[in-house]
Amino acid sequence: MPDLRSIAPYGDLSGDGFPFSVPVIRKPRPLDVSKTTFLVGENGSGKSTLLEGIAASAHLPTVGSEMVDDDPTLAPQRQLGEAW
């Protein structure tokens, strides 16, 4: 698998519900992740949601090795993954 070097939105991020209501998702910027990247923020700021969206976009497993495509609780993150 190739290394992830950057992420940037390419789809519609204008939804009103979760996860598009999370501030870090609502106002995205391209991220250079080619080096060590730290995600820092208050609880509820969207760190895990962003990572789960990236996992969904790349079709990677998440918590407990569950595939994002198979976990019904991660439907919003799959929507986000389609936009990133």
PDB file of N, CA and C in Angstrom:
ATOM      1  N   MET A   1       0.847  -1.169   0.000  1.00  0.00           N
ATOM      2  CA  MET A   1       0.000   0.000   0.000  1.00  0.00           C
ATOM      3  C   MET A   1       0.897   1.237   0.000  1.00  0.00           C
ATOM      4  N   PRO A   2       0.613   2.217  -0.852  1.00  0.00           N
ATOM      5  CA  PRO A   2       1.416   3.439  -0.871  1.00  0.00           C
ATOM      6  C   PRO A   2       1.199   4.252   0.397  1.00  0.00           C
ATOM      7  N   ASP A   3       2.192   5.063   0.735  1.00  0.00           N
ATOM      8  CA  ASP A   3       2.085   5.941   1.889  1.00  0.00           C
ATOM      9  C   ASP A   3       1.094   7.057   1.612  1.00  0.00           C
ATOM     10  N   LEU A   4       0.372   7.455   2.638  1.00  0.00           N
ATOM     11  CA  LEU A   4      -0.533   8.594   2.547  1.00  0.00           C
ATOM     12  C   LEU A   4       0.296   9.856   2.715  1.00  0.00           C
ATOM     13  N   ARG A   5       0.256  10.736   1.733  1.00  0.00           N
ATOM     14  CA  ARG A   5       1.065  11.955   1.776  1.00  0.00           C
ATOM     15  C   ARG A   5       0.252  13.204   2.063  1.00  0.00           C
ATOM     16  N   SER A   6      -0.973  13.251   1.566  1.00  0.00           N
ATOM     17  CA  SER A   6      -1.816  14.415   1.824  1.00  0.00           C
ATOM     18  C   SER A   6      -3.276  14.006   1.663  1.00  0.00           C
ATOM     19  N   ILE A   7      -4.136  14.807   2.269  1.00  0.00           N
ATOM     20  CA  ILE A   7      -5.570  14.613   2.103  1.00  0.00           C
ATOM     21  C   ILE A   7      -6.197  15.965   1.814  1.00  0.00           C
ATOM     22  N   ALA A   8      -7.227  15.958   1.010  1.00  0.00           N
ATOM     23  CA  ALA A   8      -7.937  17.182   0.667  1.00  0.00           C
ATOM     24  C   ALA A   8      -9.357  16.822   0.266  1.00  0.00           C
ATOM     25  N   PRO A   9     -10.317  17.665   0.593  1.00  0.00           N
ATOM     26  CA  PRO A   9     -11.692  17.376   0.201  1.00  0.00           C
ATOM     27  C   PRO A   9     -11.862  17.524  -1.303  1.00  0.00           C
ATOM     28  N   TYR A  10     -12.715  16.686  -1.879  1.00  0.00           N
ATOM     29  CA  TYR A  10     -13.017  16.815  -3.303  1.00  0.00           C
ATOM     30  C   TYR A  10     -14.499  16.688  -3.575  1.00  0.00           C
ATOM     31  N   GLY A  11     -15.275  16.435  -2.548  1.00  0.00           N
ATOM     32  CA  GLY A  11     -16.715  16.262  -2.716  1.00  0.00           C
ATOM     33  C   GLY A  11     -17.493  17.360  -2.008  1.00  0.00           C
ATOM     34  N   ASP A  12     -18.777  17.137  -1.891  1.00  0.00           N
ATOM     35  CA  ASP A  12     -19.680  18.100  -1.275  1.00  0.00           C
ATOM     36  C   ASP A  12     -19.633  17.968   0.240  1.00  0.00           C
ATOM     37  N   LEU A  13     -19.210  19.028   0.938  1.00  0.00           N
ATOM     38  CA  LEU A  13     -19.137  19.034   2.396  1.00  0.00           C
ATOM     39  C   LEU A  13     -20.196  19.946   3.000  1.00  0.00           C
ATOM     40  N   SER A  14     -21.269  20.199   2.267  1.00  0.00           N
ATOM     41  CA  SER A  14     -22.256  21.180   2.711  1.00  0.00           C
ATOM     42  C   SER A  14     -23.406  20.587   3.517  1.00  0.00           C
ATOM     43  N   GLY A  15     -23.345  19.308   3.872  1.00  0.00           N
ATOM     44  CA  GLY A  15     -24.427  18.700   4.635  1.00  0.00           C
ATOM     45  C   GLY A  15     -24.624  19.370   5.986  1.00  0.00           C
ATOM     46  N   ASP A  16     -25.839  19.300   6.517  1.00  0.00           N
ATOM     47  CA  ASP A  16     -26.134  19.931   7.798  1.00  0.00           C
ATOM     48  C   ASP A  16     -25.892  19.015   8.984  1.00  0.00           C
ATOM     49  N   GLY A  17     -26.052  17.712   8.799  1.00  0.00           N
ATOM     50  CA  GLY A  17     -25.937  16.774   9.905  1.00  0.00           C
ATOM     51  C   GLY A  17     -24.507  16.324  10.136  1.00  0.00           C
ATOM     52  N   PHE A  18     -24.355  15.461  11.133  1.00  0.00           N
ATOM     53  CA  PHE A  18     -23.069  14.875  11.444  1.00  0.00           C
ATOM     54  C   PHE A  18     -22.619  13.997  10.274  1.00  0.00           C
ATOM     55  N   PRO A  19     -21.401  14.012   9.869  1.00  0.00           N
ATOM     56  CA  PRO A  19     -20.229  14.660  10.432  1.00  0.00           C
ATOM     57  C   PRO A  19     -19.948  16.049   9.869  1.00  0.00           C
ATOM     58  N   PHE A  20     -20.793  16.518   8.947  1.00  0.00           N
ATOM     59  CA  PHE A  20     -20.516  17.794   8.274  1.00  0.00           C
ATOM     60  C   PHE A  20     -20.752  19.005   9.165  1.00  0.00           C
ATOM     61  N   SER A  21     -21.344  18.798  10.325  1.00  0.00           N
ATOM     62  CA  SER A  21     -21.549  19.891  11.276  1.00  0.00           C
ATOM     63  C   SER A  21     -20.333  20.087  12.189  1.00  0.00           C
ATOM     64  N   VAL A  22     -19.364  19.189  12.156  1.00  0.00           N
ATOM     65  CA  VAL A  22     -18.155  19.301  12.976  1.00  0.00           C
ATOM     66  C   VAL A  22     -17.275  20.390  12.366  1.00  0.00           C
ATOM     67  N   PRO A  23     -16.814  21.360  13.176  1.00  0.00           N
ATOM     68  CA  PRO A  23     -16.065  22.504  12.625  1.00  0.00           C
ATOM     69  C   PRO A  23     -14.868  22.133  11.756  1.00  0.00           C
ATOM     70  N   VAL A  24     -14.078  21.147  12.147  1.00  0.00           N
ATOM     71  CA  VAL A  24     -12.898  20.797  11.351  1.00  0.00           C
ATOM     72  C   VAL A  24     -13.292  20.228   9.990  1.00  0.00           C
ATOM     73  N   ILE A  25     -14.477  19.668   9.899  1.00  0.00           N
ATOM     74  CA  ILE A  25     -14.968  19.128   8.634  1.00  0.00           C
ATOM     75  C   ILE A  25     -15.629  20.227   7.813  1.00  0.00           C
ATOM     76  N   ARG A  26     -16.338  21.132   8.484  1.00  0.00           N
ATOM     77  CA  ARG A  26     -17.064  22.197   7.795  1.00  0.00           C
ATOM     78  C   ARG A  26     -16.127  23.163   7.071  1.00  0.00           C
ATOM     79  N   LYS A  27     -14.948  23.420   7.640  1.00  0.00           N
ATOM     80  CA  LYS A  27     -13.989  24.356   7.042  1.00  0.00           C
ATOM     81  C   LYS A  27     -12.678  23.616   6.784  1.00  0.00           C
ATOM     82  N   PRO A  28     -12.671  22.731   5.806  1.00  0.00           N
ATOM     83  CA  PRO A  28     -11.484  21.892   5.585  1.00  0.00           C
ATOM     84  C   PRO A  28     -10.363  22.644   4.886  1.00  0.00           C
ATOM     85  N   ARG A  29      -9.165  22.169   5.124  1.00  0.00           N
ATOM     86  CA  ARG A  29      -7.980  22.624   4.401  1.00  0.00           C
ATOM     87  C   ARG A  29      -7.223  21.382   3.970  1.00  0.00           C
ATOM     88  N   PRO A  30      -6.553  21.429   2.845  1.00  0.00           N
ATOM     89  CA  PRO A  30      -5.700  20.295   2.486  1.00  0.00           C
ATOM     90  C   PRO A  30      -4.664  20.077   3.584  1.00  0.00           C
ATOM     91  N   LEU A  31      -4.400  18.826   3.914  1.00  0.00           N
ATOM     92  CA  LEU A  31      -3.455  18.501   4.972  1.00  0.00           C
ATOM     93  C   LEU A  31      -2.289  17.725   4.399  1.00  0.00           C
ATOM     94  N   ASP A  32      -1.066  18.181   4.697  1.00  0.00           N
ATOM     95  CA  ASP A  32       0.144  17.450   4.336  1.00  0.00           C
ATOM     96  C   ASP A  32       0.421  16.493   5.482  1.00  0.00           C
ATOM     97  N   VAL A  33       0.295  15.209   5.230  1.00  0.00           N
ATOM     98  CA  VAL A  33       0.516  14.204   6.277  1.00  0.00           C
ATOM     99  C   VAL A  33       1.713  13.320   5.930  1.00  0.00           C
ATOM    100  N   SER A  34       2.648  13.864   5.141  1.00  0.00           N
ATOM    101  CA  SER A  34       3.796  13.071   4.705  1.00  0.00           C
ATOM    102  C   SER A  34       4.799  12.849   5.825  1.00  0.00           C
ATOM    103  N   LYS A  35       4.726  13.649   6.865  1.00  0.00           N
ATOM    104  CA  LYS A  35       5.600  13.485   8.022  1.00  0.00           C
ATOM    105  C   LYS A  35       4.715  13.121   9.204  1.00  0.00           C
ATOM    106  N   THR A  36       5.284  13.036  10.366  1.00  0.00           N
ATOM    107  CA  THR A  36       4.492  12.741  11.555  1.00  0.00           C
ATOM    108  C   THR A  36       3.464  13.839  11.750  1.00  0.00           C
ATOM    109  N   THR A  37       2.218  13.437  11.944  1.00  0.00           N
ATOM    110  CA  THR A  37       1.127  14.385  12.088  1.00  0.00           C
ATOM    111  C   THR A  37       0.445  14.164  13.426  1.00  0.00           C
ATOM    112  N   PHE A  38       0.249  15.240  14.171  1.00  0.00           N
ATOM    113  CA  PHE A  38      -0.462  15.188  15.445  1.00  0.00           C
ATOM    114  C   PHE A  38      -1.799  15.877  15.274  1.00  0.00           C
ATOM    115  N   LEU A  39      -2.852  15.233  15.704  1.00  0.00           N
ATOM    116  CA  LEU A  39      -4.167  15.863  15.719  1.00  0.00           C
ATOM    117  C   LEU A  39      -4.465  16.239  17.160  1.00  0.00           C
ATOM    118  N   VAL A  40      -4.638  17.515  17.396  1.00  0.00           N
ATOM    119  CA  VAL A  40      -4.839  18.025  18.742  1.00  0.00           C
ATOM    120  C   VAL A  40      -6.112  18.841  18.759  1.00  0.00           C
ATOM    121  N   GLY A  41      -6.908  18.673  19.802  1.00  0.00           N
ATOM    122  CA  GLY A  41      -8.124  19.472  19.922  1.00  0.00           C
ATOM    123  C   GLY A  41      -8.963  19.010  21.095  1.00  0.00           C
ATOM    124  N   GLU A  42      -9.926  19.826  21.424  1.00  0.00           N
ATOM    125  CA  GLU A  42     -10.854  19.520  22.510  1.00  0.00           C
ATOM    126  C   GLU A  42     -11.680  18.290  22.165  1.00  0.00           C
ATOM    127  N   ASN A  43     -12.265  17.676  23.178  1.00  0.00           N
ATOM    128  CA  ASN A  43     -13.212  16.589  22.947  1.00  0.00           C
ATOM    129  C   ASN A  43     -14.338  17.100  22.062  1.00  0.00           C
ATOM    130  N   GLY A  44     -14.696  16.318  21.076  1.00  0.00           N
ATOM    131  CA  GLY A  44     -15.768  16.703  20.172  1.00  0.00           C
ATOM    132  C   GLY A  44     -15.348  17.607  19.030  1.00  0.00           C
ATOM    133  N   SER A  45     -14.040  17.842  18.878  1.00  0.00           N
ATOM    134  CA  SER A  45     -13.586  18.747  17.816  1.00  0.00           C
ATOM    135  C   SER A  45     -13.468  18.070  16.459  1.00  0.00           C
ATOM    136  N   GLY A  46     -13.557  16.730  16.402  1.00  0.00           N
ATOM    137  CA  GLY A  46     -13.584  16.036  15.130  1.00  0.00           C
ATOM    138  C   GLY A  46     -12.355  15.223  14.792  1.00  0.00           C
ATOM    139  N   LYS A  47     -11.447  15.029  15.738  1.00  0.00           N
ATOM    140  CA  LYS A  47     -10.216  14.271  15.455  1.00  0.00           C
ATOM    141  C   LYS A  47     -10.528  12.854  14.995  1.00  0.00           C
ATOM    142  N   SER A  48     -11.294  12.122  15.779  1.00  0.00           N
ATOM    143  CA  SER A  48     -11.626  10.740  15.427  1.00  0.00           C
ATOM    144  C   SER A  48     -12.490  10.669  14.179  1.00  0.00           C
ATOM    145  N   THR A  49     -13.415  11.602  14.048  1.00  0.00           N
ATOM    146  CA  THR A  49     -14.282  11.623  12.870  1.00  0.00           C
ATOM    147  C   THR A  49     -13.459  11.797  11.608  1.00  0.00           C
ATOM    148  N   LEU A  50     -12.488  12.693  11.643  1.00  0.00           N
ATOM    149  CA  LEU A  50     -11.616  12.902  10.492  1.00  0.00           C
ATOM    150  C   LEU A  50     -10.841  11.629  10.163  1.00  0.00           C
ATOM    151  N   LEU A  51     -10.265  10.985  11.174  1.00  0.00           N
ATOM    152  CA  LEU A  51      -9.503   9.752  10.931  1.00  0.00           C
ATOM    153  C   LEU A  51     -10.386   8.626  10.418  1.00  0.00           C
ATOM    154  N   GLU A  52     -11.589   8.509  10.955  1.00  0.00           N
ATOM    155  CA  GLU A  52     -12.511   7.483  10.483  1.00  0.00           C
ATOM    156  C   GLU A  52     -12.958   7.760   9.052  1.00  0.00           C
ATOM    157  N   GLY A  53     -13.114   9.038   8.702  1.00  0.00           N
ATOM    158  CA  GLY A  53     -13.442   9.398   7.322  1.00  0.00           C
ATOM    159  C   GLY A  53     -12.318   9.045   6.366  1.00  0.00           C
ATOM    160  N   ILE A  54     -11.074   9.268   6.809  1.00  0.00           N
ATOM    161  CA  ILE A  54      -9.917   8.892   5.992  1.00  0.00           C
ATOM    162  C   ILE A  54      -9.880   7.377   5.820  1.00  0.00           C
ATOM    163  N   ALA A  55     -10.129   6.651   6.911  1.00  0.00           N
ATOM    164  CA  ALA A  55     -10.152   5.188   6.839  1.00  0.00           C
ATOM    165  C   ALA A  55     -11.239   4.714   5.889  1.00  0.00           C
ATOM    166  N   ALA A  56     -12.384   5.368   5.918  1.00  0.00           N
ATOM    167  CA  ALA A  56     -13.474   4.992   5.015  1.00  0.00           C
ATOM    168  C   ALA A  56     -13.083   5.246   3.567  1.00  0.00           C
ATOM    169  N   SER A  57     -12.442   6.376   3.325  1.00  0.00           N
ATOM    170  CA  SER A  57     -12.029   6.721   1.968  1.00  0.00           C
ATOM    171  C   SER A  57     -11.001   5.727   1.424  1.00  0.00           C
ATOM    172  N   ALA A  58     -10.112   5.259   2.304  1.00  0.00           N
ATOM    173  CA  ALA A  58      -9.057   4.335   1.895  1.00  0.00           C
ATOM    174  C   ALA A  58      -9.465   2.875   2.070  1.00  0.00           C
ATOM    175  N   HIS A  59     -10.702   2.632   2.532  1.00  0.00           N
ATOM    176  CA  HIS A  59     -11.205   1.276   2.772  1.00  0.00           C
ATOM    177  C   HIS A  59     -10.303   0.505   3.744  1.00  0.00           C
ATOM    178  N   LEU A  60      -9.966   1.157   4.854  1.00  0.00           N
ATOM    179  CA  LEU A  60      -9.116   0.559   5.881  1.00  0.00           C
ATOM    180  C   LEU A  60      -9.954   0.148   7.087  1.00  0.00           C
ATOM    181  N   PRO A  61      -9.454  -0.775   7.901  1.00  0.00           N
ATOM    182  CA  PRO A  61     -10.168  -1.138   9.127  1.00  0.00           C
ATOM    183  C   PRO A  61     -10.048  -0.034  10.169  1.00  0.00           C
ATOM    184  N   THR A  62     -11.006  -0.008  11.077  1.00  0.00           N
ATOM    185  CA  THR A  62     -10.968   0.968  12.171  1.00  0.00           C
ATOM    186  C   THR A  62     -10.893   0.212  13.495  1.00  0.00           C
ATOM    187  N   VAL A  63     -11.542   0.700  14.514  1.00  0.00           N
ATOM    188  CA  VAL A  63     -11.493   0.124  15.851  1.00  0.00           C
ATOM    189  C   VAL A  63     -11.830  -1.363  15.829  1.00  0.00           C
ATOM    190  N   GLY A  64     -11.013  -2.171  16.478  1.00  0.00           N
ATOM    191  CA  GLY A  64     -11.273  -3.599  16.571  1.00  0.00           C
ATOM    192  C   GLY A  64     -11.135  -4.330  15.255  1.00  0.00           C
ATOM    193  N   SER A  65     -10.417  -3.755  14.308  1.00  0.00           N
ATOM    194  CA  SER A  65     -10.202  -4.350  12.981  1.00  0.00           C
ATOM    195  C   SER A  65     -11.491  -4.493  12.180  1.00  0.00           C
ATOM    196  N   GLU A  66     -12.533  -3.803  12.578  1.00  0.00           N
ATOM    197  CA  GLU A  66     -13.796  -3.812  11.834  1.00  0.00           C
ATOM    198  C   GLU A  66     -13.611  -2.958  10.582  1.00  0.00           C
ATOM    199  N   MET A  67     -14.032  -3.468   9.446  1.00  0.00           N
ATOM    200  CA  MET A  67     -13.952  -2.678   8.220  1.00  0.00           C
ATOM    201  C   MET A  67     -15.017  -1.590   8.262  1.00  0.00           C
ATOM    202  N   VAL A  68     -14.653  -0.404   7.852  1.00  0.00           N
ATOM    203  CA  VAL A  68     -15.580   0.720   7.871  1.00  0.00           C
ATOM    204  C   VAL A  68     -16.829   0.402   7.067  1.00  0.00           C
ATOM    205  N   ASP A  69     -16.668  -0.302   5.957  1.00  0.00           N
ATOM    206  CA  ASP A  69     -17.804  -0.619   5.094  1.00  0.00           C
ATOM    207  C   ASP A  69     -18.810  -1.554   5.769  1.00  0.00           C
ATOM    208  N   ASP A  70     -18.369  -2.306   6.776  1.00  0.00           N
ATOM    209  CA  ASP A  70     -19.229  -3.290   7.424  1.00  0.00           C
ATOM    210  C   ASP A  70     -19.867  -2.804   8.720  1.00  0.00           C
ATOM    211  N   ASP A  71     -19.412  -1.694   9.279  1.00  0.00           N
ATOM    212  CA  ASP A  71     -19.892  -1.215  10.574  1.00  0.00           C
ATOM    213  C   ASP A  71     -21.038  -0.225  10.369  1.00  0.00           C
ATOM    214  N   PRO A  72     -22.261  -0.607  10.761  1.00  0.00           N
ATOM    215  CA  PRO A  72     -23.407   0.281  10.537  1.00  0.00           C
ATOM    216  C   PRO A  72     -23.330   1.594  11.324  1.00  0.00           C
ATOM    217  N   THR A  73     -22.562   1.621  12.405  1.00  0.00           N
ATOM    218  CA  THR A  73     -22.462   2.855  13.201  1.00  0.00           C
ATOM    219  C   THR A  73     -21.554   3.890  12.545  1.00  0.00           C
ATOM    220  N   LEU A  74     -20.840   3.500  11.500  1.00  0.00           N
ATOM    221  CA  LEU A  74     -19.914   4.428  10.841  1.00  0.00           C
ATOM    222  C   LEU A  74     -20.456   4.961   9.512  1.00  0.00           C
ATOM    223  N   ALA A  75     -21.758   4.928   9.330  1.00  0.00           N
ATOM    224  CA  ALA A  75     -22.353   5.444   8.091  1.00  0.00           C
ATOM    225  C   ALA A  75     -21.995   6.913   7.844  1.00  0.00           C
ATOM    226  N   PRO A  76     -22.043   7.798   8.865  1.00  0.00           N
ATOM    227  CA  PRO A  76     -21.646   9.193   8.605  1.00  0.00           C
ATOM    228  C   PRO A  76     -20.191   9.319   8.175  1.00  0.00           C
ATOM    229  N   GLN A  77     -19.322   8.506   8.746  1.00  0.00           N
ATOM    230  CA  GLN A  77     -17.920   8.563   8.365  1.00  0.00           C
ATOM    231  C   GLN A  77     -17.722   8.077   6.935  1.00  0.00           C
ATOM    232  N   ARG A  78     -18.543   7.121   6.487  1.00  0.00           N
ATOM    233  CA  ARG A  78     -18.473   6.696   5.082  1.00  0.00           C
ATOM    234  C   ARG A  78     -18.878   7.847   4.165  1.00  0.00           C
ATOM    235  N   GLN A  79     -19.897   8.627   4.558  1.00  0.00           N
ATOM    236  CA  GLN A  79     -20.289   9.805   3.762  1.00  0.00           C
ATOM    237  C   GLN A  79     -19.138  10.780   3.683  1.00  0.00           C
ATOM    238  N   LEU A  80     -18.450  10.992   4.812  1.00  0.00           N
ATOM    239  CA  LEU A  80     -17.307  11.887   4.822  1.00  0.00           C
ATOM    240  C   LEU A  80     -16.188  11.341   3.943  1.00  0.00           C
ATOM    241  N   GLY A  81     -15.952  10.031   4.015  1.00  0.00           N
ATOM    242  CA  GLY A  81     -14.920   9.415   3.189  1.00  0.00           C
ATOM    243  C   GLY A  81     -15.183   9.573   1.708  1.00  0.00           C
ATOM    244  N   GLU A  82     -16.430   9.659   1.319  1.00  0.00           N
ATOM    245  CA  GLU A  82     -16.770   9.872  -0.093  1.00  0.00           C
ATOM    246  C   GLU A  82     -16.437  11.296  -0.541  1.00  0.00           C
ATOM    247  N   ALA A  83     -16.371  12.224   0.408  1.00  0.00           N
ATOM    248  CA  ALA A  83     -16.087  13.620   0.086  1.00  0.00           C
ATOM    249  C   ALA A  83     -14.606  13.959   0.221  1.00  0.00           C
ATOM    250  N   TRP A  84     -13.822  13.072   0.827  1.00  0.00           N
ATOM    251  CA  TRP A  84     -12.387  13.321   1.000  1.00  0.00           C
ATOM    252  C   TRP A  84     -11.607  12.443   0.064  1.00  0.00           C
TER     253      TRP A  84
END
